[in-house]
Amino acid sequence: GLHWQVKIGDVTATFSLSDAIKEIVITTVDKLEA
């Protein structure tokens, strides 16, 4: 469940759910601390 691909025509876009979760946590914690 951590690695995702979206296939559109002849193109595949790849991203990591763990990277997305990391960014959400860091951004939210930074806002809470500020």
PDB file of all heavy atoms in Angstrom:
ATOM      1  N   GLY A   1       0.795  -1.224   0.000  1.00  0.00           N
ATOM      2  CA  GLY A   1       0.000   0.000   0.000  1.00  0.00           C
ATOM      3  C   GLY A   1       0.826   1.271   0.000  1.00  0.00           C
ATOM      4  O   GLY A   1       0.286   2.368   0.006  1.00  0.00           O
ATOM      5  N   LEU A   2       2.149   1.149  -0.020  1.00  0.00           N
ATOM      6  CA  LEU A   2       3.013   2.320   0.078  1.00  0.00           C
ATOM      7  C   LEU A   2       3.443   2.893  -1.263  1.00  0.00           C
ATOM      8  O   LEU A   2       3.756   4.071  -1.367  1.00  0.00           O
ATOM      9  CB  LEU A   2       4.251   1.998   0.917  1.00  0.00           C
ATOM     10  CG  LEU A   2       3.971   1.658   2.385  1.00  0.00           C
ATOM     11  CD1 LEU A   2       5.273   1.287   3.086  1.00  0.00           C
ATOM     12  CD2 LEU A   2       3.281   2.811   3.087  1.00  0.00           C
ATOM     13  N   HIS A   3       3.488   2.060  -2.294  1.00  0.00           N
ATOM     14  CA  HIS A   3       3.939   2.520  -3.604  1.00  0.00           C
ATOM     15  C   HIS A   3       2.757   2.501  -4.569  1.00  0.00           C
ATOM     16  O   HIS A   3       2.069   1.490  -4.701  1.00  0.00           O
ATOM     17  CB  HIS A   3       5.076   1.634  -4.129  1.00  0.00           C
ATOM     18  CG  HIS A   3       6.238   1.603  -3.202  1.00  0.00           C
ATOM     19  ND1 HIS A   3       7.131   2.647  -3.103  1.00  0.00           N
ATOM     20  CD2 HIS A   3       6.637   0.686  -2.300  1.00  0.00           C
ATOM     21  CE1 HIS A   3       8.044   2.357  -2.192  1.00  0.00           C
ATOM     22  NE2 HIS A   3       7.765   1.167  -1.685  1.00  0.00           N
ATOM     23  N   TRP A   4       2.531   3.638  -5.225  1.00  0.00           N
ATOM     24  CA  TRP A   4       1.374   3.809  -6.104  1.00  0.00           C
ATOM     25  C   TRP A   4       1.823   4.154  -7.505  1.00  0.00           C
ATOM     26  O   TRP A   4       2.864   4.788  -7.698  1.00  0.00           O
ATOM     27  CB  TRP A   4       0.495   4.936  -5.578  1.00  0.00           C
ATOM     28  CG  TRP A   4      -0.246   4.594  -4.328  1.00  0.00           C
ATOM     29  CD1 TRP A   4       0.304   4.318  -3.107  1.00  0.00           C
ATOM     30  CD2 TRP A   4      -1.646   4.499  -4.165  1.00  0.00           C
ATOM     31  NE1 TRP A   4      -0.690   4.058  -2.201  1.00  0.00           N
ATOM     32  CE2 TRP A   4      -1.901   4.173  -2.823  1.00  0.00           C
ATOM     33  CE3 TRP A   4      -2.723   4.665  -5.035  1.00  0.00           C
ATOM     34  CZ2 TRP A   4      -3.188   4.007  -2.336  1.00  0.00           C
ATOM     35  CZ3 TRP A   4      -4.004   4.508  -4.538  1.00  0.00           C
ATOM     36  CH2 TRP A   4      -4.223   4.172  -3.201  1.00  0.00           C
ATOM     37  N   GLN A   5       1.020   3.746  -8.484  1.00  0.00           N
ATOM     38  CA  GLN A   5       1.225   4.129  -9.871  1.00  0.00           C
ATOM     39  C   GLN A   5      -0.123   4.528 -10.463  1.00  0.00           C
ATOM     40  O   GLN A   5      -1.147   3.916 -10.160  1.00  0.00           O
ATOM     41  CB  GLN A   5       1.795   2.970 -10.700  1.00  0.00           C
ATOM     42  CG  GLN A   5       3.186   2.562 -10.322  1.00  0.00           C
ATOM     43  CD  GLN A   5       3.699   1.408 -11.175  1.00  0.00           C
ATOM     44  OE1 GLN A   5       2.948   0.740 -11.859  1.00  0.00           O
ATOM     45  NE2 GLN A   5       5.009   1.187 -11.104  1.00  0.00           N
ATOM     46  N   VAL A   6      -0.091   5.562 -11.276  1.00  0.00           N
ATOM     47  CA  VAL A   6      -1.266   5.962 -12.036  1.00  0.00           C
ATOM     48  C   VAL A   6      -0.873   5.897 -13.502  1.00  0.00           C
ATOM     49  O   VAL A   6       0.059   6.572 -13.928  1.00  0.00           O
ATOM     50  CB  VAL A   6      -1.744   7.384 -11.664  1.00  0.00           C
ATOM     51  CG1 VAL A   6      -2.966   7.766 -12.480  1.00  0.00           C
ATOM     52  CG2 VAL A   6      -2.034   7.479 -10.162  1.00  0.00           C
ATOM     53  N   LYS A   7      -1.567   5.051 -14.241  1.00  0.00           N
ATOM     54  CA  LYS A   7      -1.280   4.865 -15.662  1.00  0.00           C
ATOM     55  C   LYS A   7      -2.290   5.661 -16.469  1.00  0.00           C
ATOM     56  O   LYS A   7      -3.499   5.493 -16.307  1.00  0.00           O
ATOM     57  CB  LYS A   7      -1.334   3.381 -16.021  1.00  0.00           C
ATOM     58  CG  LYS A   7      -0.266   2.574 -15.294  1.00  0.00           C
ATOM     59  CD  LYS A   7      -0.329   1.098 -15.654  1.00  0.00           C
ATOM     60  CE  LYS A   7       0.709   0.311 -14.891  1.00  0.00           C
ATOM     61  NZ  LYS A   7       2.077   0.596 -15.242  1.00  0.00           N
ATOM     62  N   ILE A   8      -1.768   6.569 -17.307  1.00  0.00           N
ATOM     63  CA  ILE A   8      -2.595   7.412 -18.162  1.00  0.00           C
ATOM     64  C   ILE A   8      -2.039   7.289 -19.569  1.00  0.00           C
ATOM     65  O   ILE A   8      -0.944   7.786 -19.849  1.00  0.00           O
ATOM     66  CB  ILE A   8      -2.567   8.885 -17.703  1.00  0.00           C
ATOM     67  CG1 ILE A   8      -2.928   8.989 -16.228  1.00  0.00           C
ATOM     68  CG2 ILE A   8      -3.487   9.739 -18.565  1.00  0.00           C
ATOM     69  CD1 ILE A   8      -2.610  10.334 -15.606  1.00  0.00           C
ATOM     70  N   GLY A   9      -2.770   6.601 -20.434  1.00  0.00           N
ATOM     71  CA  GLY A   9      -2.257   6.369 -21.780  1.00  0.00           C
ATOM     72  C   GLY A   9      -0.960   5.587 -21.721  1.00  0.00           C
ATOM     73  O   GLY A   9      -0.885   4.542 -21.082  1.00  0.00           O
ATOM     74  N   ASP A  10       0.087   6.112 -22.347  1.00  0.00           N
ATOM     75  CA  ASP A  10       1.393   5.456 -22.374  1.00  0.00           C
ATOM     76  C   ASP A  10       2.322   5.912 -21.249  1.00  0.00           C
ATOM     77  O   ASP A  10       3.507   5.600 -21.254  1.00  0.00           O
ATOM     78  CB  ASP A  10       2.083   5.707 -23.719  1.00  0.00           C
ATOM     79  CG  ASP A  10       1.340   5.040 -24.866  1.00  0.00           C
ATOM     80  OD1 ASP A  10       0.669   4.021 -24.620  1.00  0.00           O
ATOM     81  OD2 ASP A  10       1.423   5.541 -25.998  1.00  0.00           O
ATOM     82  N   VAL A  11       1.790   6.678 -20.294  1.00  0.00           N
ATOM     83  CA  VAL A  11       2.602   7.258 -19.224  1.00  0.00           C
ATOM     84  C   VAL A  11       2.213   6.651 -17.879  1.00  0.00           C
ATOM     85  O   VAL A  11       1.031   6.425 -17.607  1.00  0.00           O
ATOM     86  CB  VAL A  11       2.410   8.791 -19.166  1.00  0.00           C
ATOM     87  CG1 VAL A  11       3.150   9.394 -17.984  1.00  0.00           C
ATOM     88  CG2 VAL A  11       2.858   9.431 -20.469  1.00  0.00           C
ATOM     89  N   THR A  12       3.223   6.387 -17.050  1.00  0.00           N
ATOM     90  CA  THR A  12       2.988   5.940 -15.677  1.00  0.00           C
ATOM     91  C   THR A  12       3.587   6.956 -14.718  1.00  0.00           C
ATOM     92  O   THR A  12       4.770   7.295 -14.826  1.00  0.00           O
ATOM     93  CB  THR A  12       3.626   4.556 -15.423  1.00  0.00           C
ATOM     94  OG1 THR A  12       3.016   3.594 -16.287  1.00  0.00           O
ATOM     95  CG2 THR A  12       3.438   4.118 -13.986  1.00  0.00           C
ATOM     96  N   ALA A  13       2.759   7.460 -13.815  1.00  0.00           N
ATOM     97  CA  ALA A  13       3.213   8.367 -12.751  1.00  0.00           C
ATOM     98  C   ALA A  13       3.326   7.548 -11.469  1.00  0.00           C
ATOM     99  O   ALA A  13       2.403   6.805 -11.118  1.00  0.00           O
ATOM    100  CB  ALA A  13       2.230   9.510 -12.577  1.00  0.00           C
ATOM    101  N   THR A  14       4.447   7.665 -10.789  1.00  0.00           N
ATOM    102  CA  THR A  14       4.723   6.872  -9.595  1.00  0.00           C
ATOM    103  C   THR A  14       4.947   7.792  -8.406  1.00  0.00           C
ATOM    104  O   THR A  14       5.615   8.819  -8.526  1.00  0.00           O
ATOM    105  CB  THR A  14       5.987   6.008  -9.815  1.00  0.00           C
ATOM    106  OG1 THR A  14       5.809   5.219 -10.988  1.00  0.00           O
ATOM    107  CG2 THR A  14       6.268   5.113  -8.640  1.00  0.00           C
ATOM    108  N   PHE A  15       4.383   7.407  -7.247  1.00  0.00           N
ATOM    109  CA  PHE A  15       4.639   8.159  -6.013  1.00  0.00           C
ATOM    110  C   PHE A  15       4.553   7.224  -4.818  1.00  0.00           C
ATOM    111  O   PHE A  15       4.042   6.118  -4.912  1.00  0.00           O
ATOM    112  CB  PHE A  15       3.681   9.348  -5.861  1.00  0.00           C
ATOM    113  CG  PHE A  15       2.238   8.965  -5.674  1.00  0.00           C
ATOM    114  CD1 PHE A  15       1.695   8.871  -4.413  1.00  0.00           C
ATOM    115  CD2 PHE A  15       1.432   8.713  -6.772  1.00  0.00           C
ATOM    116  CE1 PHE A  15       0.363   8.525  -4.243  1.00  0.00           C
ATOM    117  CE2 PHE A  15       0.101   8.374  -6.622  1.00  0.00           C
ATOM    118  CZ  PHE A  15      -0.438   8.274  -5.343  1.00  0.00           C
ATOM    119  N   SER A  16       5.079   7.707  -3.704  1.00  0.00           N
ATOM    120  CA  SER A  16       5.149   6.918  -2.478  1.00  0.00           C
ATOM    121  C   SER A  16       4.186   7.491  -1.442  1.00  0.00           C
ATOM    122  O   SER A  16       4.245   8.677  -1.124  1.00  0.00           O
ATOM    123  CB  SER A  16       6.566   6.931  -1.926  1.00  0.00           C
ATOM    124  OG  SER A  16       6.596   6.437  -0.615  1.00  0.00           O
ATOM    125  N   LEU A  17       3.311   6.651  -0.922  1.00  0.00           N
ATOM    126  CA  LEU A  17       2.397   7.086   0.127  1.00  0.00           C
ATOM    127  C   LEU A  17       3.165   7.457   1.393  1.00  0.00           C
ATOM    128  O   LEU A  17       2.803   8.393   2.097  1.00  0.00           O
ATOM    129  CB  LEU A  17       1.361   6.003   0.415  1.00  0.00           C
ATOM    130  CG  LEU A  17       0.277   6.371   1.424  1.00  0.00           C
ATOM    131  CD1 LEU A  17      -0.509   7.589   0.962  1.00  0.00           C
ATOM    132  CD2 LEU A  17      -0.641   5.195   1.654  1.00  0.00           C
ATOM    133  N   SER A  18       4.249   6.745   1.682  1.00  0.00           N
ATOM    134  CA  SER A  18       5.025   7.078   2.889  1.00  0.00           C
ATOM    135  C   SER A  18       5.631   8.477   2.780  1.00  0.00           C
ATOM    136  O   SER A  18       5.687   9.208   3.772  1.00  0.00           O
ATOM    137  CB  SER A  18       6.107   6.032   3.153  1.00  0.00           C
ATOM    138  OG  SER A  18       6.995   5.926   2.077  1.00  0.00           O
ATOM    139  N   ASP A  19       6.043   8.897   1.564  1.00  0.00           N
ATOM    140  CA  ASP A  19       6.539  10.266   1.378  1.00  0.00           C
ATOM    141  C   ASP A  19       5.428  11.285   1.612  1.00  0.00           C
ATOM    142  O   ASP A  19       5.654  12.333   2.211  1.00  0.00           O
ATOM    143  CB  ASP A  19       7.117  10.466  -0.025  1.00  0.00           C
ATOM    144  CG  ASP A  19       8.423   9.724  -0.242  1.00  0.00           C
ATOM    145  OD1 ASP A  19       9.034   9.276   0.760  1.00  0.00           O
ATOM    146  OD2 ASP A  19       8.830   9.598  -1.413  1.00  0.00           O
ATOM    147  N   ALA A  20       4.220  10.981   1.130  1.00  0.00           N
ATOM    148  CA  ALA A  20       3.087  11.890   1.320  1.00  0.00           C
ATOM    149  C   ALA A  20       2.746  12.019   2.800  1.00  0.00           C
ATOM    150  O   ALA A  20       2.530  13.132   3.301  1.00  0.00           O
ATOM    151  CB  ALA A  20       1.878  11.396   0.534  1.00  0.00           C
ATOM    152  N   ILE A  21       2.724  10.897   3.516  1.00  0.00           N
ATOM    153  CA  ILE A  21       2.419  10.932   4.955  1.00  0.00           C
ATOM    154  C   ILE A  21       3.483  11.730   5.697  1.00  0.00           C
ATOM    155  O   ILE A  21       3.172  12.549   6.569  1.00  0.00           O
ATOM    156  CB  ILE A  21       2.301   9.502   5.516  1.00  0.00           C
ATOM    157  CG1 ILE A  21       1.055   8.830   4.942  1.00  0.00           C
ATOM    158  CG2 ILE A  21       2.281   9.509   7.041  1.00  0.00           C
ATOM    159  CD1 ILE A  21       0.964   7.347   5.220  1.00  0.00           C
ATOM    160  N   LYS A  22       4.746  11.533   5.346  1.00  0.00           N
ATOM    161  CA  LYS A  22       5.839  12.274   5.980  1.00  0.00           C
ATOM    162  C   LYS A  22       5.643  13.779   5.797  1.00  0.00           C
ATOM    163  O   LYS A  22       5.773  14.552   6.748  1.00  0.00           O
ATOM    164  CB  LYS A  22       7.171  11.835   5.381  1.00  0.00           C
ATOM    165  CG  LYS A  22       8.372  12.561   5.921  1.00  0.00           C
ATOM    166  CD  LYS A  22       9.636  12.069   5.237  1.00  0.00           C
ATOM    167  CE  LYS A  22      10.839  12.885   5.642  1.00  0.00           C
ATOM    168  NZ  LYS A  22      12.050  12.466   4.918  1.00  0.00           N
ATOM    169  N   GLU A  23       5.315  14.219   4.578  1.00  0.00           N
ATOM    170  CA  GLU A  23       5.106  15.645   4.314  1.00  0.00           C
ATOM    171  C   GLU A  23       3.920  16.194   5.100  1.00  0.00           C
ATOM    172  O   GLU A  23       3.972  17.306   5.619  1.00  0.00           O
ATOM    173  CB  GLU A  23       4.905  15.891   2.817  1.00  0.00           C
ATOM    174  CG  GLU A  23       6.176  15.777   2.014  1.00  0.00           C
ATOM    175  CD  GLU A  23       7.237  16.773   2.455  1.00  0.00           C
ATOM    176  OE1 GLU A  23       6.927  17.965   2.625  1.00  0.00           O
ATOM    177  OE2 GLU A  23       8.384  16.349   2.639  1.00  0.00           O
ATOM    178  N   ILE A  24       2.846  15.418   5.196  1.00  0.00           N
ATOM    179  CA  ILE A  24       1.673  15.851   5.956  1.00  0.00           C
ATOM    180  C   ILE A  24       2.026  16.023   7.427  1.00  0.00           C
ATOM    181  O   ILE A  24       1.679  17.025   8.053  1.00  0.00           O
ATOM    182  CB  ILE A  24       0.511  14.858   5.783  1.00  0.00           C
ATOM    183  CG1 ILE A  24      -0.007  14.916   4.341  1.00  0.00           C
ATOM    184  CG2 ILE A  24      -0.606  15.131   6.784  1.00  0.00           C
ATOM    185  CD1 ILE A  24      -0.921  13.772   3.964  1.00  0.00           C
ATOM    186  N   VAL A  25       2.730  15.056   7.996  1.00  0.00           N
ATOM    187  CA  VAL A  25       3.104  15.117   9.412  1.00  0.00           C
ATOM    188  C   VAL A  25       4.029  16.305   9.670  1.00  0.00           C
ATOM    189  O   VAL A  25       3.798  17.104  10.589  1.00  0.00           O
ATOM    190  CB  VAL A  25       3.760  13.797   9.872  1.00  0.00           C
ATOM    191  CG1 VAL A  25       4.381  13.943  11.255  1.00  0.00           C
ATOM    192  CG2 VAL A  25       2.735  12.674   9.848  1.00  0.00           C
ATOM    193  N   ILE A  26       5.072  16.454   8.872  1.00  0.00           N
ATOM    194  CA  ILE A  26       6.027  17.552   9.075  1.00  0.00           C
ATOM    195  C   ILE A  26       5.333  18.902   8.954  1.00  0.00           C
ATOM    196  O   ILE A  26       5.518  19.791   9.797  1.00  0.00           O
ATOM    197  CB  ILE A  26       7.197  17.439   8.078  1.00  0.00           C
ATOM    198  CG1 ILE A  26       8.080  16.243   8.440  1.00  0.00           C
ATOM    199  CG2 ILE A  26       8.018  18.732   8.032  1.00  0.00           C
ATOM    200  CD1 ILE A  26       9.114  15.900   7.382  1.00  0.00           C
ATOM    201  N   THR A  27       4.513  19.082   7.923  1.00  0.00           N
ATOM    202  CA  THR A  27       3.831  20.357   7.714  1.00  0.00           C
ATOM    203  C   THR A  27       2.874  20.665   8.855  1.00  0.00           C
ATOM    204  O   THR A  27       2.823  21.793   9.352  1.00  0.00           O
ATOM    205  CB  THR A  27       3.071  20.329   6.366  1.00  0.00           C
ATOM    206  OG1 THR A  27       4.010  20.064   5.324  1.00  0.00           O
ATOM    207  CG2 THR A  27       2.375  21.644   6.103  1.00  0.00           C
ATOM    208  N   THR A  28       2.112  19.665   9.309  1.00  0.00           N
ATOM    209  CA  THR A  28       1.150  19.882  10.393  1.00  0.00           C
ATOM    210  C   THR A  28       1.859  20.181  11.706  1.00  0.00           C
ATOM    211  O   THR A  28       1.469  21.107  12.437  1.00  0.00           O
ATOM    212  CB  THR A  28       0.224  18.665  10.533  1.00  0.00           C
ATOM    213  OG1 THR A  28      -0.442  18.444   9.285  1.00  0.00           O
ATOM    214  CG2 THR A  28      -0.808  18.889  11.623  1.00  0.00           C
ATOM    215  N   VAL A  29       2.915  19.437  12.034  1.00  0.00           N
ATOM    216  CA  VAL A  29       3.671  19.679  13.270  1.00  0.00           C
ATOM    217  C   VAL A  29       4.287  21.076  13.247  1.00  0.00           C
ATOM    218  O   VAL A  29       4.227  21.801  14.235  1.00  0.00           O
ATOM    219  CB  VAL A  29       4.731  18.588  13.508  1.00  0.00           C
ATOM    220  CG1 VAL A  29       5.705  18.984  14.590  1.00  0.00           C
ATOM    221  CG2 VAL A  29       4.053  17.264  13.827  1.00  0.00           C
ATOM    222  N   ASP A  30       4.854  21.468  12.108  1.00  0.00           N
ATOM    223  CA  ASP A  30       5.432  22.806  11.999  1.00  0.00           C
ATOM    224  C   ASP A  30       4.380  23.874  12.267  1.00  0.00           C
ATOM    225  O   ASP A  30       4.650  24.880  12.941  1.00  0.00           O
ATOM    226  CB  ASP A  30       6.077  23.023  10.623  1.00  0.00           C
ATOM    227  CG  ASP A  30       7.366  22.240  10.446  1.00  0.00           C
ATOM    228  OD1 ASP A  30       7.892  21.698  11.455  1.00  0.00           O
ATOM    229  OD2 ASP A  30       7.857  22.179   9.297  1.00  0.00           O
ATOM    230  N   LYS A  31       3.169  23.699  11.748  1.00  0.00           N
ATOM    231  CA  LYS A  31       2.090  24.665  11.960  1.00  0.00           C
ATOM    232  C   LYS A  31       1.657  24.688  13.417  1.00  0.00           C
ATOM    233  O   LYS A  31       1.390  25.741  13.982  1.00  0.00           O
ATOM    234  CB  LYS A  31       0.903  24.359  11.053  1.00  0.00           C
ATOM    235  CG  LYS A  31       1.180  24.691   9.595  1.00  0.00           C
ATOM    236  CD  LYS A  31       0.053  24.290   8.700  1.00  0.00           C
ATOM    237  CE  LYS A  31      -1.088  25.288   8.846  1.00  0.00           C
ATOM    238  NZ  LYS A  31      -2.171  25.002   7.889  1.00  0.00           N
ATOM    239  N   LEU A  32       1.584  23.510  14.048  1.00  0.00           N
ATOM    240  CA  LEU A  32       1.185  23.436  15.463  1.00  0.00           C
ATOM    241  C   LEU A  32       2.224  24.115  16.355  1.00  0.00           C
ATOM    242  O   LEU A  32       1.877  24.819  17.307  1.00  0.00           O
ATOM    243  CB  LEU A  32       0.990  21.989  15.892  1.00  0.00           C
ATOM    244  CG  LEU A  32      -0.241  21.286  15.321  1.00  0.00           C
ATOM    245  CD1 LEU A  32      -0.181  19.784  15.642  1.00  0.00           C
ATOM    246  CD2 LEU A  32      -1.514  21.900  15.867  1.00  0.00           C
ATOM    247  N   GLU A  33       3.494  23.907  16.041  1.00  0.00           N
ATOM    248  CA  GLU A  33       4.564  24.518  16.839  1.00  0.00           C
ATOM    249  C   GLU A  33       4.624  26.015  16.643  1.00  0.00           C
ATOM    250  O   GLU A  33       5.042  26.750  17.531  1.00  0.00           O
ATOM    251  CB  GLU A  33       5.896  23.860  16.522  1.00  0.00           C
ATOM    252  CG  GLU A  33       5.996  22.448  17.038  1.00  0.00           C
ATOM    253  CD  GLU A  33       7.290  21.759  16.709  1.00  0.00           C
ATOM    254  OE1 GLU A  33       8.094  22.291  15.894  1.00  0.00           O
ATOM    255  OE2 GLU A  33       7.542  20.664  17.263  1.00  0.00           O
ATOM    256  N   ALA A  34       4.213  26.498  15.466  1.00  0.00           N
ATOM    257  CA  ALA A  34       4.236  27.939  15.196  1.00  0.00           C
ATOM    258  C   ALA A  34       3.031  28.663  15.810  1.00  0.00           C
ATOM    259  O   ALA A  34       3.054  29.888  15.950  1.00  0.00           O
ATOM    260  CB  ALA A  34       4.260  28.174  13.689  1.00  0.00           C
TER     261      ALA A  34
END
